Amino acid sequence: ITVFISAVTYFIFRTLRKTKYDEKE
């Protein structure tokens, strides 16, 4: 469960970071 939650959190933050970059672009 800890590994799953960590993986989901990582992908969410990665997506948000990409979304912010895309918004700036």
PDB file of all heavy atoms in Angstrom:
ATOM      1  N   ILE A   1       0.839  -1.203   0.000  1.00  0.00           N
ATOM      2  CA  ILE A   1       0.000   0.000   0.000  1.00  0.00           C
ATOM      3  C   ILE A   1       0.869   1.247   0.000  1.00  0.00           C
ATOM      4  O   ILE A   1       0.617   2.214  -0.733  1.00  0.00           O
ATOM      5  CB  ILE A   1      -0.980  -0.014   1.189  1.00  0.00           C
ATOM      6  CG1 ILE A   1      -2.037  -1.095   0.968  1.00  0.00           C
ATOM      7  CG2 ILE A   1      -1.635   1.351   1.375  1.00  0.00           C
ATOM      8  CD1 ILE A   1      -2.955  -1.319   2.152  1.00  0.00           C
ATOM      9  N   THR A   2       1.939   1.224   0.805  1.00  0.00           N
ATOM     10  CA  THR A   2       2.860   2.364   0.860  1.00  0.00           C
ATOM     11  C   THR A   2       3.522   2.587  -0.492  1.00  0.00           C
ATOM     12  O   THR A   2       3.618   3.722  -0.970  1.00  0.00           O
ATOM     13  CB  THR A   2       3.924   2.144   1.953  1.00  0.00           C
ATOM     14  OG1 THR A   2       3.273   1.941   3.191  1.00  0.00           O
ATOM     15  CG2 THR A   2       4.869   3.314   2.049  1.00  0.00           C
ATOM     16  N   VAL A   3       3.981   1.519  -1.142  1.00  0.00           N
ATOM     17  CA  VAL A   3       4.616   1.634  -2.457  1.00  0.00           C
ATOM     18  C   VAL A   3       3.597   2.156  -3.477  1.00  0.00           C
ATOM     19  O   VAL A   3       3.904   3.041  -4.285  1.00  0.00           O
ATOM     20  CB  VAL A   3       5.191   0.271  -2.902  1.00  0.00           C
ATOM     21  CG1 VAL A   3       5.583   0.292  -4.372  1.00  0.00           C
ATOM     22  CG2 VAL A   3       6.380  -0.092  -2.044  1.00  0.00           C
ATOM     23  N   PHE A   4       2.355   1.647  -3.431  1.00  0.00           N
ATOM     24  CA  PHE A   4       1.318   2.078  -4.355  1.00  0.00           C
ATOM     25  C   PHE A   4       1.006   3.562  -4.172  1.00  0.00           C
ATOM     26  O   PHE A   4       0.944   4.325  -5.139  1.00  0.00           O
ATOM     27  CB  PHE A   4       0.045   1.237  -4.161  1.00  0.00           C
ATOM     28  CG  PHE A   4      -1.087   1.661  -5.026  1.00  0.00           C
ATOM     29  CD1 PHE A   4      -1.087   1.388  -6.387  1.00  0.00           C
ATOM     30  CD2 PHE A   4      -2.155   2.374  -4.500  1.00  0.00           C
ATOM     31  CE1 PHE A   4      -2.129   1.799  -7.192  1.00  0.00           C
ATOM     32  CE2 PHE A   4      -3.197   2.787  -5.294  1.00  0.00           C
ATOM     33  CZ  PHE A   4      -3.193   2.499  -6.650  1.00  0.00           C
ATOM     34  N   ILE A   5       0.835   3.991  -2.931  1.00  0.00           N
ATOM     35  CA  ILE A   5       0.548   5.406  -2.651  1.00  0.00           C
ATOM     36  C   ILE A   5       1.710   6.290  -3.085  1.00  0.00           C
ATOM     37  O   ILE A   5       1.513   7.354  -3.668  1.00  0.00           O
ATOM     38  CB  ILE A   5       0.202   5.611  -1.160  1.00  0.00           C
ATOM     39  CG1 ILE A   5      -1.154   4.977  -0.863  1.00  0.00           C
ATOM     40  CG2 ILE A   5       0.195   7.089  -0.792  1.00  0.00           C
ATOM     41  CD1 ILE A   5      -1.534   4.967   0.592  1.00  0.00           C
ATOM     42  N   SER A   6       2.928   5.835  -2.848  1.00  0.00           N
ATOM     43  CA  SER A   6       4.104   6.601  -3.272  1.00  0.00           C
ATOM     44  C   SER A   6       4.159   6.719  -4.790  1.00  0.00           C
ATOM     45  O   SER A   6       4.453   7.790  -5.333  1.00  0.00           O
ATOM     46  CB  SER A   6       5.385   5.941  -2.772  1.00  0.00           C
ATOM     47  OG  SER A   6       5.407   5.910  -1.376  1.00  0.00           O
ATOM     48  N   ALA A   7       3.853   5.643  -5.501  1.00  0.00           N
ATOM     49  CA  ALA A   7       3.870   5.666  -6.965  1.00  0.00           C
ATOM     50  C   ALA A   7       2.792   6.612  -7.499  1.00  0.00           C
ATOM     51  O   ALA A   7       3.041   7.403  -8.415  1.00  0.00           O
ATOM     52  CB  ALA A   7       3.681   4.261  -7.517  1.00  0.00           C
ATOM     53  N   VAL A   8       1.596   6.543  -6.938  1.00  0.00           N
ATOM     54  CA  VAL A   8       0.518   7.427  -7.371  1.00  0.00           C
ATOM     55  C   VAL A   8       0.890   8.885  -7.104  1.00  0.00           C
ATOM     56  O   VAL A   8       0.691   9.759  -7.954  1.00  0.00           O
ATOM     57  CB  VAL A   8      -0.807   7.044  -6.677  1.00  0.00           C
ATOM     58  CG1 VAL A   8      -1.863   8.108  -6.889  1.00  0.00           C
ATOM     59  CG2 VAL A   8      -1.308   5.697  -7.180  1.00  0.00           C
ATOM     60  N   THR A   9       1.446   9.169  -5.944  1.00  0.00           N
ATOM     61  CA  THR A   9       1.865  10.533  -5.591  1.00  0.00           C
ATOM     62  C   THR A   9       2.935  11.036  -6.567  1.00  0.00           C
ATOM     63  O   THR A   9       2.872  12.173  -7.039  1.00  0.00           O
ATOM     64  CB  THR A   9       2.396  10.581  -4.151  1.00  0.00           C
ATOM     65  OG1 THR A   9       1.392  10.071  -3.276  1.00  0.00           O
ATOM     66  CG2 THR A   9       2.781  11.985  -3.742  1.00  0.00           C
ATOM     67  N   TYR A  10       3.889  10.175  -6.889  1.00  0.00           N
ATOM     68  CA  TYR A  10       4.951  10.543  -7.835  1.00  0.00           C
ATOM     69  C   TYR A  10       4.360  10.898  -9.197  1.00  0.00           C
ATOM     70  O   TYR A  10       4.705  11.925  -9.774  1.00  0.00           O
ATOM     71  CB  TYR A  10       5.957   9.393  -7.970  1.00  0.00           C
ATOM     72  CG  TYR A  10       6.928   9.586  -9.101  1.00  0.00           C
ATOM     73  CD1 TYR A  10       7.987  10.487  -8.983  1.00  0.00           C
ATOM     74  CD2 TYR A  10       6.779   8.896 -10.299  1.00  0.00           C
ATOM     75  CE1 TYR A  10       8.870  10.685 -10.028  1.00  0.00           C
ATOM     76  CE2 TYR A  10       7.655   9.084 -11.349  1.00  0.00           C
ATOM     77  CZ  TYR A  10       8.695   9.978 -11.211  1.00  0.00           C
ATOM     78  OH  TYR A  10       9.559  10.167 -12.243  1.00  0.00           O
ATOM     79  N   PHE A  11       3.468  10.067  -9.706  1.00  0.00           N
ATOM     80  CA  PHE A  11       2.871  10.337 -11.019  1.00  0.00           C
ATOM     81  C   PHE A  11       1.992  11.583 -11.010  1.00  0.00           C
ATOM     82  O   PHE A  11       1.970  12.339 -11.982  1.00  0.00           O
ATOM     83  CB  PHE A  11       2.085   9.116 -11.513  1.00  0.00           C
ATOM     84  CG  PHE A  11       2.969   8.001 -11.971  1.00  0.00           C
ATOM     85  CD1 PHE A  11       2.950   6.783 -11.326  1.00  0.00           C
ATOM     86  CD2 PHE A  11       3.832   8.173 -13.044  1.00  0.00           C
ATOM     87  CE1 PHE A  11       3.769   5.748 -11.739  1.00  0.00           C
ATOM     88  CE2 PHE A  11       4.658   7.146 -13.469  1.00  0.00           C
ATOM     89  CZ  PHE A  11       4.632   5.918 -12.818  1.00  0.00           C
ATOM     90  N   ILE A  12       1.299  11.838  -9.907  1.00  0.00           N
ATOM     91  CA  ILE A  12       0.489  13.054  -9.811  1.00  0.00           C
ATOM     92  C   ILE A  12       1.373  14.290  -9.844  1.00  0.00           C
ATOM     93  O   ILE A  12       1.114  15.244 -10.585  1.00  0.00           O
ATOM     94  CB  ILE A  12      -0.402  13.031  -8.544  1.00  0.00           C
ATOM     95  CG1 ILE A  12      -1.529  12.009  -8.718  1.00  0.00           C
ATOM     96  CG2 ILE A  12      -0.972  14.416  -8.260  1.00  0.00           C
ATOM     97  CD1 ILE A  12      -2.353  11.786  -7.464  1.00  0.00           C
ATOM     98  N   PHE A  13       2.437  14.298  -9.049  1.00  0.00           N
ATOM     99  CA  PHE A  13       3.341  15.452  -9.037  1.00  0.00           C
ATOM    100  C   PHE A  13       4.035  15.635 -10.380  1.00  0.00           C
ATOM    101  O   PHE A  13       4.232  16.759 -10.843  1.00  0.00           O
ATOM    102  CB  PHE A  13       4.365  15.336  -7.911  1.00  0.00           C
ATOM    103  CG  PHE A  13       3.820  15.725  -6.575  1.00  0.00           C
ATOM    104  CD1 PHE A  13       3.825  14.831  -5.521  1.00  0.00           C
ATOM    105  CD2 PHE A  13       3.289  16.989  -6.356  1.00  0.00           C
ATOM    106  CE1 PHE A  13       3.313  15.184  -4.288  1.00  0.00           C
ATOM    107  CE2 PHE A  13       2.785  17.352  -5.123  1.00  0.00           C
ATOM    108  CZ  PHE A  13       2.794  16.438  -4.092  1.00  0.00           C
ATOM    109  N   ARG A  14       4.403  14.538 -11.011  1.00  0.00           N
ATOM    110  CA  ARG A  14       5.034  14.608 -12.330  1.00  0.00           C
ATOM    111  C   ARG A  14       4.066  15.207 -13.354  1.00  0.00           C
ATOM    112  O   ARG A  14       4.441  16.066 -14.158  1.00  0.00           O
ATOM    113  CB  ARG A  14       5.482  13.222 -12.760  1.00  0.00           C
ATOM    114  CG  ARG A  14       6.308  13.233 -14.003  1.00  0.00           C
ATOM    115  CD  ARG A  14       6.882  11.874 -14.262  1.00  0.00           C
ATOM    116  NE  ARG A  14       6.720  11.603 -15.680  1.00  0.00           N
ATOM    117  CZ  ARG A  14       6.837  10.434 -16.232  1.00  0.00           C
ATOM    118  NH1 ARG A  14       7.069   9.378 -15.490  1.00  0.00           N
ATOM    119  NH2 ARG A  14       6.702  10.284 -17.516  1.00  0.00           N
ATOM    120  N   THR A  15       2.817  14.789 -13.307  1.00  0.00           N
ATOM    121  CA  THR A  15       1.800  15.321 -14.211  1.00  0.00           C
ATOM    122  C   THR A  15       1.563  16.801 -13.950  1.00  0.00           C
ATOM    123  O   THR A  15       1.458  17.601 -14.882  1.00  0.00           O
ATOM    124  CB  THR A  15       0.482  14.534 -14.055  1.00  0.00           C
ATOM    125  OG1 THR A  15       0.732  13.157 -14.304  1.00  0.00           O
ATOM    126  CG2 THR A  15      -0.573  15.040 -15.013  1.00  0.00           C
ATOM    127  N   LEU A  16       1.484  17.182 -12.671  1.00  0.00           N
ATOM    128  CA  LEU A  16       1.287  18.601 -12.338  1.00  0.00           C
ATOM    129  C   LEU A  16       2.454  19.450 -12.821  1.00  0.00           C
ATOM    130  O   LEU A  16       2.269  20.558 -13.320  1.00  0.00           O
ATOM    131  CB  LEU A  16       1.092  18.771 -10.836  1.00  0.00           C
ATOM    132  CG  LEU A  16      -0.255  18.325 -10.280  1.00  0.00           C
ATOM    133  CD1 LEU A  16      -0.252  18.433  -8.759  1.00  0.00           C
ATOM    134  CD2 LEU A  16      -1.389  19.138 -10.863  1.00  0.00           C
ATOM    135  N   ARG A  17       3.663  18.951 -12.650  1.00  0.00           N
ATOM    136  CA  ARG A  17       4.845  19.686 -13.091  1.00  0.00           C
ATOM    137  C   ARG A  17       4.814  19.857 -14.609  1.00  0.00           C
ATOM    138  O   ARG A  17       5.080  20.933 -15.133  1.00  0.00           O
ATOM    139  CB  ARG A  17       6.118  18.953 -12.672  1.00  0.00           C
ATOM    140  CG  ARG A  17       7.351  19.793 -12.840  1.00  0.00           C
ATOM    141  CD  ARG A  17       8.625  19.165 -12.318  1.00  0.00           C
ATOM    142  NE  ARG A  17       8.421  18.210 -11.274  1.00  0.00           N
ATOM    143  CZ  ARG A  17       9.029  17.023 -11.225  1.00  0.00           C
ATOM    144  NH1 ARG A  17       9.885  16.678 -12.146  1.00  0.00           N
ATOM    145  NH2 ARG A  17       8.805  16.182 -10.232  1.00  0.00           N
ATOM    146  N   LYS A  18       4.455  18.783 -15.320  1.00  0.00           N
ATOM    147  CA  LYS A  18       4.351  18.864 -16.777  1.00  0.00           C
ATOM    148  C   LYS A  18       3.239  19.820 -17.188  1.00  0.00           C
ATOM    149  O   LYS A  18       3.385  20.604 -18.125  1.00  0.00           O
ATOM    150  CB  LYS A  18       4.091  17.482 -17.370  1.00  0.00           C
ATOM    151  CG  LYS A  18       4.100  17.466 -18.884  1.00  0.00           C
ATOM    152  CD  LYS A  18       3.937  16.067 -19.407  1.00  0.00           C
ATOM    153  CE  LYS A  18       3.982  15.947 -20.904  1.00  0.00           C
ATOM    154  NZ  LYS A  18       3.486  16.995 -21.687  1.00  0.00           N
ATOM    155  N   THR A  19       2.121  19.813 -16.465  1.00  0.00           N
ATOM    156  CA  THR A  19       1.011  20.707 -16.764  1.00  0.00           C
ATOM    157  C   THR A  19       1.442  22.162 -16.575  1.00  0.00           C
ATOM    158  O   THR A  19       1.118  23.025 -17.394  1.00  0.00           O
ATOM    159  CB  THR A  19      -0.195  20.385 -15.862  1.00  0.00           C
ATOM    160  OG1 THR A  19      -0.557  19.023 -16.051  1.00  0.00           O
ATOM    161  CG2 THR A  19      -1.370  21.272 -16.168  1.00  0.00           C
ATOM    162  N   LYS A  20       2.186  22.457 -15.503  1.00  0.00           N
ATOM    163  CA  LYS A  20       2.671  23.822 -15.281  1.00  0.00           C
ATOM    164  C   LYS A  20       3.619  24.245 -16.398  1.00  0.00           C
ATOM    165  O   LYS A  20       3.559  25.363 -16.892  1.00  0.00           O
ATOM    166  CB  LYS A  20       3.379  23.930 -13.930  1.00  0.00           C
ATOM    167  CG  LYS A  20       2.444  23.939 -12.760  1.00  0.00           C
ATOM    168  CD  LYS A  20       3.208  24.059 -11.463  1.00  0.00           C
ATOM    169  CE  LYS A  20       2.271  23.991 -10.273  1.00  0.00           C
ATOM    170  NZ  LYS A  20       2.999  24.068  -9.006  1.00  0.00           N
ATOM    171  N   TYR A  21       4.486  23.317 -16.808  1.00  0.00           N
ATOM    172  CA  TYR A  21       5.414  23.616 -17.897  1.00  0.00           C
ATOM    173  C   TYR A  21       4.634  23.876 -19.180  1.00  0.00           C
ATOM    174  O   TYR A  21       4.918  24.831 -19.899  1.00  0.00           O
ATOM    175  CB  TYR A  21       6.394  22.465 -18.086  1.00  0.00           C
ATOM    176  CG  TYR A  21       7.283  22.641 -19.295  1.00  0.00           C
ATOM    177  CD1 TYR A  21       8.373  23.510 -19.254  1.00  0.00           C
ATOM    178  CD2 TYR A  21       7.019  21.963 -20.480  1.00  0.00           C
ATOM    179  CE1 TYR A  21       9.175  23.695 -20.362  1.00  0.00           C
ATOM    180  CE2 TYR A  21       7.821  22.143 -21.590  1.00  0.00           C
ATOM    181  CZ  TYR A  21       8.899  22.998 -21.526  1.00  0.00           C
ATOM    182  OH  TYR A  21       9.681  23.177 -22.627  1.00  0.00           O
ATOM    183  N   ASP A  22       3.646  23.027 -19.477  1.00  0.00           N
ATOM    184  CA  ASP A  22       2.825  23.200 -20.678  1.00  0.00           C
ATOM    185  C   ASP A  22       2.074  24.525 -20.640  1.00  0.00           C
ATOM    186  O   ASP A  22       1.936  25.190 -21.665  1.00  0.00           O
ATOM    187  CB  ASP A  22       1.833  22.043 -20.834  1.00  0.00           C
ATOM    188  CG  ASP A  22       2.519  20.731 -21.198  1.00  0.00           C
ATOM    189  OD1 ASP A  22       3.708  20.759 -21.597  1.00  0.00           O
ATOM    190  OD2 ASP A  22       1.869  19.665 -21.064  1.00  0.00           O
ATOM    191  N   GLU A  23       1.584  24.913 -19.460  1.00  0.00           N
ATOM    192  CA  GLU A  23       0.867  26.188 -19.316  1.00  0.00           C
ATOM    193  C   GLU A  23       1.806  27.364 -19.594  1.00  0.00           C
ATOM    194  O   GLU A  23       1.434  28.315 -20.288  1.00  0.00           O
ATOM    195  CB  GLU A  23       0.270  26.296 -17.911  1.00  0.00           C
ATOM    196  CG  GLU A  23      -0.439  27.596 -17.636  1.00  0.00           C
ATOM    197  CD  GLU A  23      -1.695  27.797 -18.458  1.00  0.00           C
ATOM    198  OE1 GLU A  23      -2.259  26.810 -18.968  1.00  0.00           O
ATOM    199  OE2 GLU A  23      -2.107  28.957 -18.618  1.00  0.00           O
ATOM    200  N   LYS A  24       3.027  27.302 -19.081  1.00  0.00           N
ATOM    201  CA  LYS A  24       3.991  28.371 -19.344  1.00  0.00           C
ATOM    202  C   LYS A  24       4.324  28.437 -20.829  1.00  0.00           C
ATOM    203  O   LYS A  24       4.407  29.525 -21.408  1.00  0.00           O
ATOM    204  CB  LYS A  24       5.274  28.152 -18.535  1.00  0.00           C
ATOM    205  CG  LYS A  24       5.126  28.461 -17.076  1.00  0.00           C
ATOM    206  CD  LYS A  24       6.431  28.240 -16.336  1.00  0.00           C
ATOM    207  CE  LYS A  24       6.256  28.501 -14.857  1.00  0.00           C
ATOM    208  NZ  LYS A  24       7.498  28.250 -14.114  1.00  0.00           N
ATOM    209  N   GLU A  25       4.512  27.279 -21.443  1.00  0.00           N
ATOM    210  CA  GLU A  25       4.818  27.239 -22.873  1.00  0.00           C
ATOM    211  C   GLU A  25       3.645  27.790 -23.686  1.00  0.00           C
ATOM    212  O   GLU A  25       3.842  28.549 -24.647  1.00  0.00           O
ATOM    213  CB  GLU A  25       5.114  25.802 -23.308  1.00  0.00           C
ATOM    214  CG  GLU A  25       5.574  25.696 -24.742  1.00  0.00           C
ATOM    215  CD  GLU A  25       5.974  24.279 -25.104  1.00  0.00           C
ATOM    216  OE1 GLU A  25       6.591  23.587 -24.282  1.00  0.00           O
ATOM    217  OE2 GLU A  25       5.645  23.874 -26.233  1.00  0.00           O
TER     218      GLU A  25
END
